[in-house]
Amino acid sequence: MKYMPFVVIAYALIVLIGGMVGFAKAHSWPSIIMGTITAILLICAAIAMMNNLTLGFFSAAGITFLLSIFFMYRFLQSFHFMPGGLMAIISIATFVILLAAKIKS
């Protein structure tokens, strides 16, 4: 379980970079704003996880779950793998890793 905060931080960086790319390519303000906000929330959750706070795990899992649903919805709207499909896969994988680590501990 000690590696989980680093998984969440890596996921937060992927979300942040995705928001930046969305802004750079399509001048999408919602992409950069929501990418930044969710990345900050995920990093806060990872810090809480490092301090052994249960709230950190549930926050990270909840945000990751919501992002999984959002990106799956975006993929199903357009059927374009980039960015919705890729981010859905990464989000679902991160959520499954979080759950597996929680069940294992």
C-alpha atoms as a PDB file:
ATOM      1  CA  MET A   1       0.000   0.000   0.000  1.00  0.00           C
ATOM      2  CA  LYS A   2       3.004   2.298   0.337  1.00  0.00           C
ATOM      3  CA  TYR A   3       3.315   2.677  -3.422  1.00  0.00           C
ATOM      4  CA  MET A   4      -0.295   3.786  -3.912  1.00  0.00           C
ATOM      5  CA  PRO A   5       0.277   7.519  -3.315  1.00  0.00           C
ATOM      6  CA  PHE A   6       2.837   7.458  -6.110  1.00  0.00           C
ATOM      7  CA  VAL A   7       0.359   5.752  -8.448  1.00  0.00           C
ATOM      8  CA  VAL A   8      -2.155   8.501  -7.640  1.00  0.00           C
ATOM      9  CA  ILE A   9       0.465  11.226  -8.219  1.00  0.00           C
ATOM     10  CA  ALA A  10       1.402   9.678 -11.579  1.00  0.00           C
ATOM     11  CA  TYR A  11      -2.276   9.583 -12.529  1.00  0.00           C
ATOM     12  CA  ALA A  12      -2.669  13.215 -11.426  1.00  0.00           C
ATOM     13  CA  LEU A  13       0.219  14.209 -13.690  1.00  0.00           C
ATOM     14  CA  ILE A  14      -1.345  12.351 -16.614  1.00  0.00           C
ATOM     15  CA  VAL A  15      -4.642  14.174 -16.016  1.00  0.00           C
ATOM     16  CA  LEU A  16      -2.844  17.526 -15.777  1.00  0.00           C
ATOM     17  CA  ILE A  17      -0.864  16.916 -18.964  1.00  0.00           C
ATOM     18  CA  GLY A  18      -4.065  15.800 -20.692  1.00  0.00           C
ATOM     19  CA  GLY A  19      -5.722  19.070 -19.734  1.00  0.00           C
ATOM     20  CA  MET A  20      -2.756  21.018 -21.064  1.00  0.00           C
ATOM     21  CA  VAL A  21      -2.790  19.116 -24.340  1.00  0.00           C
ATOM     22  CA  GLY A  22      -6.549  19.660 -24.671  1.00  0.00           C
ATOM     23  CA  PHE A  23      -5.997  23.373 -24.241  1.00  0.00           C
ATOM     24  CA  ALA A  24      -3.036  23.481 -26.627  1.00  0.00           C
ATOM     25  CA  LYS A  25      -4.811  21.581 -29.408  1.00  0.00           C
ATOM     26  CA  ALA A  26      -8.401  22.808 -29.126  1.00  0.00           C
ATOM     27  CA  HIS A  27      -8.068  25.923 -26.951  1.00  0.00           C
ATOM     28  CA  SER A  28     -10.392  24.173 -24.509  1.00  0.00           C
ATOM     29  CA  TRP A  29     -10.577  26.156 -21.287  1.00  0.00           C
ATOM     30  CA  PRO A  30     -12.668  23.448 -19.585  1.00  0.00           C
ATOM     31  CA  SER A  31      -9.883  20.928 -20.270  1.00  0.00           C
ATOM     32  CA  ILE A  32      -7.168  22.962 -18.594  1.00  0.00           C
ATOM     33  CA  ILE A  33      -9.371  24.124 -15.719  1.00  0.00           C
ATOM     34  CA  MET A  34     -10.764  20.693 -14.858  1.00  0.00           C
ATOM     35  CA  GLY A  35      -7.441  18.971 -15.515  1.00  0.00           C
ATOM     36  CA  THR A  36      -5.738  21.330 -13.071  1.00  0.00           C
ATOM     37  CA  ILE A  37      -8.453  21.071 -10.423  1.00  0.00           C
ATOM     38  CA  THR A  38      -8.623  17.283 -10.515  1.00  0.00           C
ATOM     39  CA  ALA A  39      -4.824  16.988 -10.526  1.00  0.00           C
ATOM     40  CA  ILE A  40      -4.619  19.191  -7.425  1.00  0.00           C
ATOM     41  CA  LEU A  41      -7.349  17.164  -5.700  1.00  0.00           C
ATOM     42  CA  LEU A  42      -5.591  13.899  -6.572  1.00  0.00           C
ATOM     43  CA  ILE A  43      -2.256  15.195  -5.269  1.00  0.00           C
ATOM     44  CA  CYS A  44      -3.972  16.260  -2.025  1.00  0.00           C
ATOM     45  CA  ALA A  45      -5.475  12.767  -1.784  1.00  0.00           C
ATOM     46  CA  ALA A  46      -2.032  11.223  -2.347  1.00  0.00           C
ATOM     47  CA  ILE A  47      -0.547  13.390   0.420  1.00  0.00           C
ATOM     48  CA  ALA A  48      -3.351  12.258   2.728  1.00  0.00           C
ATOM     49  CA  MET A  49      -2.602   8.651   1.763  1.00  0.00           C
ATOM     50  CA  MET A  50       1.073   9.191   2.651  1.00  0.00           C
ATOM     51  CA  ASN A  51      -0.086  10.301   6.094  1.00  0.00           C
ATOM     52  CA  ASN A  52      -2.168   7.109   6.454  1.00  0.00           C
ATOM     53  CA  LEU A  53      -5.492   8.949   6.305  1.00  0.00           C
ATOM     54  CA  THR A  54      -8.348   6.801   5.027  1.00  0.00           C
ATOM     55  CA  LEU A  55      -9.980   9.889   3.550  1.00  0.00           C
ATOM     56  CA  GLY A  56      -7.083  10.104   1.076  1.00  0.00           C
ATOM     57  CA  PHE A  57      -7.801   6.669  -0.337  1.00  0.00           C
ATOM     58  CA  PHE A  58     -11.537   7.248  -0.639  1.00  0.00           C
ATOM     59  CA  SER A  59     -10.989  10.678  -2.212  1.00  0.00           C
ATOM     60  CA  ALA A  60      -8.558   9.278  -4.782  1.00  0.00           C
ATOM     61  CA  ALA A  61     -10.839   6.327  -5.538  1.00  0.00           C
ATOM     62  CA  GLY A  62     -13.906   8.568  -5.857  1.00  0.00           C
ATOM     63  CA  ILE A  63     -12.220  11.075  -8.165  1.00  0.00           C
ATOM     64  CA  THR A  64     -10.750   8.278 -10.268  1.00  0.00           C
ATOM     65  CA  PHE A  65     -14.155   6.574 -10.506  1.00  0.00           C
ATOM     66  CA  LEU A  66     -15.854   9.797 -11.604  1.00  0.00           C
ATOM     67  CA  LEU A  67     -13.157  10.450 -14.191  1.00  0.00           C
ATOM     68  CA  SER A  68     -13.555   6.875 -15.467  1.00  0.00           C
ATOM     69  CA  ILE A  69     -17.253   7.484 -16.039  1.00  0.00           C
ATOM     70  CA  PHE A  70     -16.622  10.885 -17.650  1.00  0.00           C
ATOM     71  CA  PHE A  71     -13.982   9.640 -20.070  1.00  0.00           C
ATOM     72  CA  MET A  72     -16.004   6.543 -20.957  1.00  0.00           C
ATOM     73  CA  TYR A  73     -18.944   8.836 -21.730  1.00  0.00           C
ATOM     74  CA  ARG A  74     -16.708  11.035 -23.892  1.00  0.00           C
ATOM     75  CA  PHE A  75     -15.382   8.000 -25.746  1.00  0.00           C
ATOM     76  CA  LEU A  76     -18.879   6.625 -26.355  1.00  0.00           C
ATOM     77  CA  GLN A  77     -19.994  10.009 -27.724  1.00  0.00           C
ATOM     78  CA  SER A  78     -17.287  10.222 -30.370  1.00  0.00           C
ATOM     79  CA  PHE A  79     -15.717   6.745 -30.644  1.00  0.00           C
ATOM     80  CA  HIS A  80     -12.340   8.487 -30.960  1.00  0.00           C
ATOM     81  CA  PHE A  81      -9.646   6.705 -28.997  1.00  0.00           C
ATOM     82  CA  MET A  82      -7.852   9.974 -28.274  1.00  0.00           C
ATOM     83  CA  PRO A  83      -8.376  11.379 -25.704  1.00  0.00           C
ATOM     84  CA  GLY A  84     -11.526   9.765 -24.301  1.00  0.00           C
ATOM     85  CA  GLY A  85     -10.657   6.117 -24.886  1.00  0.00           C
ATOM     86  CA  LEU A  86      -7.092   6.334 -23.657  1.00  0.00           C
ATOM     87  CA  MET A  87      -8.038   8.322 -20.568  1.00  0.00           C
ATOM     88  CA  ALA A  88     -10.906   5.918 -19.841  1.00  0.00           C
ATOM     89  CA  ILE A  89      -8.498   2.982 -19.915  1.00  0.00           C
ATOM     90  CA  ILE A  90      -5.955   4.771 -17.707  1.00  0.00           C
ATOM     91  CA  SER A  91      -8.670   5.888 -15.275  1.00  0.00           C
ATOM     92  CA  ILE A  92     -10.244   2.447 -15.008  1.00  0.00           C
ATOM     93  CA  ALA A  93      -6.822   0.826 -14.564  1.00  0.00           C
ATOM     94  CA  THR A  94      -5.927   3.277 -11.801  1.00  0.00           C
ATOM     95  CA  PHE A  95      -9.269   2.663 -10.080  1.00  0.00           C
ATOM     96  CA  VAL A  96      -8.790  -1.119 -10.246  1.00  0.00           C
ATOM     97  CA  ILE A  97      -5.239  -0.808  -8.867  1.00  0.00           C
ATOM     98  CA  LEU A  98      -6.533   1.325  -5.983  1.00  0.00           C
ATOM     99  CA  LEU A  99      -9.272  -1.169  -5.177  1.00  0.00           C
ATOM    100  CA  ALA A 100      -6.939  -4.162  -5.439  1.00  0.00           C
ATOM    101  CA  ALA A 101      -4.421  -2.536  -3.087  1.00  0.00           C
ATOM    102  CA  LYS A 102      -7.185  -1.708  -0.582  1.00  0.00           C
ATOM    103  CA  ILE A 103      -8.584  -5.236  -0.683  1.00  0.00           C
ATOM    104  CA  LYS A 104      -5.094  -6.704  -0.310  1.00  0.00           C
ATOM    105  CA  SER A 105      -4.267  -4.592   2.761  1.00  0.00           C
END
